[in-house]
Protein backbone atom coordinates (compact mmCIF):
# COMPACT_ATOMS: atom_id res chain seq x y z
CA UNK A 1 -6.07 -48.20 93.51
CA UNK A 2 -7.96 -47.92 90.23
CA UNK A 3 -6.38 -49.75 87.32
CA UNK A 4 -5.64 -47.75 84.20
CA UNK A 5 -5.94 -49.23 80.74
CA UNK A 6 -3.97 -48.32 77.69
CA UNK A 7 -6.17 -48.03 74.63
CA UNK A 8 -4.97 -47.53 71.08
CA UNK A 9 -7.95 -47.77 68.71
CA UNK A 10 -5.68 -47.59 65.66
CA UNK A 11 -3.69 -50.60 66.80
CA UNK A 12 -6.89 -52.55 67.52
CA UNK A 13 -8.13 -51.73 64.04
CA UNK A 14 -4.82 -53.02 62.67
CA UNK A 15 -5.71 -56.49 63.96
CA UNK A 16 -8.94 -56.53 61.95
CA UNK A 17 -7.16 -55.40 58.80
CA UNK A 18 -4.37 -57.92 59.45
CA UNK A 19 -6.96 -60.73 59.65
CA UNK A 20 -8.75 -59.40 56.55
CA UNK A 21 -5.51 -59.33 54.58
CA UNK A 22 -4.77 -62.96 55.37
CA UNK A 23 -8.30 -64.05 54.50
CA UNK A 24 -8.25 -62.11 51.23
CA UNK A 25 -4.79 -63.48 50.45
CA UNK A 26 -6.36 -66.96 50.61
CA UNK A 27 -9.07 -65.85 48.10
CA UNK A 28 -11.74 -65.60 50.79
CA UNK A 29 -13.93 -62.61 50.01
CA UNK A 30 -14.03 -60.66 53.28
CA UNK A 31 -16.07 -57.64 54.31
CA UNK A 32 -15.80 -55.59 57.47
CA UNK A 33 -18.99 -55.53 59.53
CA UNK A 34 -20.30 -52.12 60.66
CA UNK A 35 -18.38 -50.56 63.59
CA UNK A 36 -19.48 -51.82 67.02
CA UNK A 37 -21.40 -54.67 65.41
CA UNK A 38 -22.34 -57.12 68.13
CA UNK A 39 -20.66 -60.51 68.00
CA UNK A 40 -18.56 -60.42 64.84
CA UNK A 41 -16.25 -58.10 62.94
CA UNK A 42 -15.85 -59.72 59.52
CA UNK A 43 -18.11 -61.53 57.08
CA UNK A 44 -16.51 -64.06 54.74
CA UNK A 45 -18.08 -65.53 51.59
CA UNK A 46 -17.03 -67.52 48.54
CA UNK A 47 -15.69 -65.20 45.80
CA UNK A 48 -17.98 -66.89 43.24
CA UNK A 49 -21.60 -66.47 44.38
CA UNK A 50 -22.69 -69.22 41.97
CA UNK A 51 -20.54 -71.77 43.86
CA UNK A 52 -21.71 -71.16 47.44
CA UNK A 53 -24.00 -68.84 49.36
CA UNK A 54 -22.57 -69.84 52.75
CA UNK A 55 -21.30 -67.01 54.93
CA UNK A 56 -18.88 -67.20 57.84
CA UNK A 57 -18.93 -64.68 60.69
CA UNK A 58 -15.53 -63.91 62.23
CA UNK A 59 -14.83 -62.18 65.53
CA UNK A 60 -11.36 -60.59 65.78
CA UNK A 61 -9.62 -60.15 69.12
CA UNK A 62 -6.19 -58.69 69.63
CA UNK A 63 -3.52 -58.36 72.26
CA UNK A 64 -1.01 -55.60 71.85
CA UNK A 65 1.55 -56.63 74.49
CA UNK A 66 4.26 -59.14 73.61
CA UNK A 67 4.31 -60.21 77.26
CA UNK A 68 0.55 -60.77 77.54
CA UNK A 69 -0.88 -63.84 79.28
CA UNK A 70 -2.05 -65.12 75.85
CA UNK A 71 -5.65 -64.80 76.98
CA UNK A 72 -8.39 -62.58 75.58
CA UNK A 73 -11.87 -61.58 76.74
CA UNK A 74 -15.00 -62.98 75.12
CA UNK A 75 -18.40 -62.18 76.61
CA UNK A 76 -20.75 -65.14 77.12
CA UNK A 77 -23.50 -63.27 75.27
CA UNK A 78 -21.45 -63.32 72.04
CA UNK A 79 -20.46 -67.01 72.08
CA UNK A 80 -23.11 -67.94 69.51
CA UNK A 81 -22.69 -64.83 67.36
CA UNK A 82 -19.61 -65.96 65.39
CA UNK A 83 -18.38 -69.05 63.58
CA UNK A 84 -14.65 -68.42 64.05
CA UNK A 85 -12.56 -66.12 66.19
CA UNK A 86 -9.20 -64.88 64.98
CA UNK A 87 -6.95 -63.76 67.81
CA UNK A 88 -4.04 -61.57 66.71
CA UNK A 89 -1.08 -61.18 69.03
CA UNK A 90 0.33 -57.96 67.62
CA UNK A 91 3.53 -58.11 69.72
CA UNK A 92 4.00 -54.32 69.71
CA UNK A 93 6.29 -54.45 72.75
CA UNK A 94 6.53 -55.22 76.45
CA UNK A 95 3.81 -53.57 78.52
CA UNK A 96 3.87 -55.58 81.76
CA UNK A 97 6.68 -56.85 84.02
CA UNK A 98 9.28 -57.20 81.24
CA UNK A 99 8.87 -53.51 80.40
CA UNK A 100 10.47 -52.59 83.71
CA UNK A 101 13.72 -54.43 82.97
CA UNK A 102 13.90 -54.38 79.17
CA UNK A 103 11.80 -51.40 78.05
CA UNK A 104 8.71 -51.49 75.88
CA UNK A 105 10.41 -51.49 72.48
CA UNK A 106 12.62 -54.50 73.30
CA UNK A 107 9.50 -56.67 73.04
CA UNK A 108 8.73 -55.89 69.40
CA UNK A 109 8.16 -59.05 67.36
CA UNK A 110 6.24 -60.20 64.30
CA UNK A 111 2.48 -60.61 64.82
CA UNK A 112 1.07 -64.08 65.37
CA UNK A 113 -2.51 -65.12 64.74
CA UNK A 114 -4.74 -68.10 65.38
CA UNK A 115 -8.10 -68.95 63.78
CA UNK A 116 -10.21 -70.69 66.40
CA UNK A 117 -13.57 -72.35 65.74
CA UNK A 118 -16.48 -71.31 67.96
CA UNK A 119 -16.48 -74.79 69.54
CA UNK A 120 -12.88 -74.22 70.75
CA UNK A 121 -13.86 -70.86 72.25
CA UNK A 122 -16.87 -72.35 74.06
CA UNK A 123 -14.73 -75.24 75.39
CA UNK A 124 -12.01 -72.95 76.79
CA UNK A 125 -14.15 -69.98 77.84
CA UNK A 126 -13.93 -69.07 81.54
CA UNK A 127 -17.21 -67.39 82.44
CA UNK A 128 -16.38 -67.40 86.17
CA UNK A 129 -13.96 -64.47 85.90
CA UNK A 130 -15.17 -60.89 85.49
CA UNK A 131 -13.17 -60.65 82.24
CA UNK A 132 -14.70 -63.88 80.86
CA UNK A 133 -11.39 -64.84 79.27
CA UNK A 134 -10.27 -67.58 76.93
CA UNK A 135 -6.81 -68.59 78.07
CA UNK A 136 -4.54 -70.19 75.48
CA UNK A 137 -1.28 -70.52 77.41
CA UNK A 138 -0.34 -74.20 77.62
CA UNK A 139 -2.81 -75.31 74.91
CA UNK A 140 -1.71 -76.89 71.63
CA UNK A 141 -2.41 -73.99 69.27
CA UNK A 142 -0.39 -75.30 66.31
CA UNK A 143 -3.40 -76.55 64.27
CA UNK A 144 -4.92 -73.06 64.40
CA UNK A 145 -1.80 -70.98 63.75
CA UNK A 146 -1.34 -68.73 60.74
CA UNK A 147 -2.37 -70.05 57.35
CA UNK A 148 -3.29 -73.48 58.77
CA UNK A 149 -6.02 -71.79 60.77
CA UNK A 150 -7.27 -69.78 57.80
CA UNK A 151 -7.68 -73.06 55.86
CA UNK A 152 -10.56 -73.99 58.21
CA UNK A 153 -12.58 -71.06 56.90
CA UNK A 154 -11.63 -71.88 53.29
CA UNK A 155 -12.86 -75.47 53.82
CA UNK A 156 -16.11 -74.26 55.39
CA UNK A 157 -16.72 -72.04 52.35
CA UNK A 158 -15.47 -74.76 49.92
CA UNK A 159 -12.85 -72.45 48.41
CA UNK A 160 -10.15 -74.34 46.57
CA UNK A 161 -6.56 -73.26 46.96
CA UNK A 162 -5.67 -70.75 44.20
CA UNK A 163 -3.64 -72.37 41.44
CA UNK A 164 -2.39 -71.21 38.09
CA UNK A 165 -4.40 -72.75 35.28
CA UNK A 166 -2.46 -75.24 33.18
CA UNK A 167 -2.44 -74.78 29.39
CA UNK A 168 -4.77 -77.79 28.94
CA UNK A 169 -7.24 -76.26 31.44
CA UNK A 170 -7.52 -72.93 29.66
CA UNK A 171 -10.59 -72.30 27.56
CA UNK A 172 -9.77 -72.06 23.89
CA UNK A 173 -11.31 -69.07 22.21
CA UNK A 174 -11.98 -69.52 18.52
CA UNK A 175 -12.35 -66.41 16.45
CA UNK A 176 -13.72 -66.83 12.97
CA UNK A 177 -11.55 -65.24 10.35
CA UNK A 178 -13.23 -62.76 7.96
CA UNK A 179 -12.75 -65.17 5.04
CA UNK A 180 -14.64 -67.93 6.84
CA UNK A 181 -17.91 -66.02 6.78
C-alpha cells in the first residue's frame, strides 16, 4: 500500500521564520535564502559589517508531529552546504500512534529547537536508509537546545551579547553654545 504524506507548506515556512526570529532576537542579522535554495535556508552575518565579514549558512529542518521519532532527513549531497542546522520540533499535535487514542490536538505543545553544528550532523547522519535521517532520540541534545544553541552562531560571528550601555560608556556630545563662537 502506498504511503501518503501530509504536507503543510505554511507550517514548514513557520519553522524558518521561527528560527529567524530567534537569531534576530540575539542580534544576529539573518536573511532568508531564495526559495528552494540548495543546502541552506538562512544566511547570518554580523550586524556591523565593519566588525566581521564572516557569514554562516543555516539549514532549517522541521517536524510537525509532537509524536515524531525526533529524526529528520538530510541528504548526503547537502552535508557540506551548511555550517549549522536548526531543527524545529513544532509540536502541532499527534499525527502517529498517539493520534488514535488521544486525538491530534491533544499533542499540542510549545515548539522546541536545536542548533546543531555541521560536524554533529555528519557524525549522526545515517546514509544507509532511503530517508538519510539524523536521529536524535537518546542523544544528549541539551548543549544545542534553544538559546544555548543559538549562542554557537553568535560566537562564530563574534557577536557580543546585547547589553544596555552604562552612563560611563556613552559618548558625550559637546555642543558649542552660540556665545562660545
